[in-house]
Amino acid sequence: MGDFEYEQAEKKLIKILQEAEEFDVDKEAWISLEELKEVVGV
């Protein structure tokens, strides 16, 4: 994985984590592990 790809993946993960923090107040808003994998592209 090149530097650019690594940075893009890191930015995407940070964005997901920030969104997860926003949903922390509303436990019903959490997505499943399978949905997270789809978002991340795993």
Protein backbone atom coordinates (compact mmCIF):
# COMPACT_ATOMS: atom_id res chain seq x y z
CA MET A 1 0.00 0.00 0.00
CA GLY A 2 1.46 3.33 -1.02
CA ASP A 3 1.61 6.45 1.12
CA PHE A 4 -1.33 8.06 -0.69
CA GLU A 5 -3.54 4.98 -0.27
CA TYR A 6 -2.55 4.72 3.39
CA GLU A 7 -3.40 8.39 4.02
CA GLN A 8 -6.76 8.03 2.25
CA ALA A 9 -7.62 4.94 4.31
CA GLU A 10 -6.55 6.71 7.49
CA LYS A 11 -8.70 9.77 6.69
CA LYS A 12 -11.68 7.51 5.95
CA LEU A 13 -11.25 5.70 9.26
CA ILE A 14 -10.92 8.96 11.21
CA LYS A 15 -14.14 10.21 9.59
CA ILE A 16 -15.94 7.00 10.57
CA LEU A 17 -14.69 7.29 14.15
CA GLN A 18 -15.79 10.93 14.35
CA GLU A 19 -19.25 9.97 13.09
CA ALA A 20 -19.37 7.18 15.67
CA GLU A 21 -18.63 9.69 18.43
CA GLU A 22 -21.54 11.83 17.25
CA PHE A 23 -23.85 8.82 17.51
CA ASP A 24 -22.61 7.98 21.01
CA VAL A 25 -25.56 9.85 22.55
CA ASP A 26 -28.03 7.73 20.59
CA LYS A 27 -27.15 4.06 21.07
CA GLU A 28 -29.78 3.04 18.50
CA ALA A 29 -27.80 4.83 15.78
CA TRP A 30 -24.82 2.44 15.89
CA ILE A 31 -24.31 0.39 12.77
CA SER A 32 -23.56 -3.31 12.75
CA LEU A 33 -20.10 -4.73 12.22
CA GLU A 34 -21.16 -5.90 8.75
CA GLU A 35 -22.34 -2.38 7.84
CA LEU A 36 -19.05 -0.95 9.10
CA LYS A 37 -17.10 -3.41 6.97
CA GLU A 38 -19.09 -2.29 3.91
CA VAL A 39 -18.36 1.37 4.64
CA VAL A 40 -14.66 0.70 5.16
CA GLY A 41 -14.52 -1.63 2.16
CA VAL A 42 -13.25 -4.73 3.94
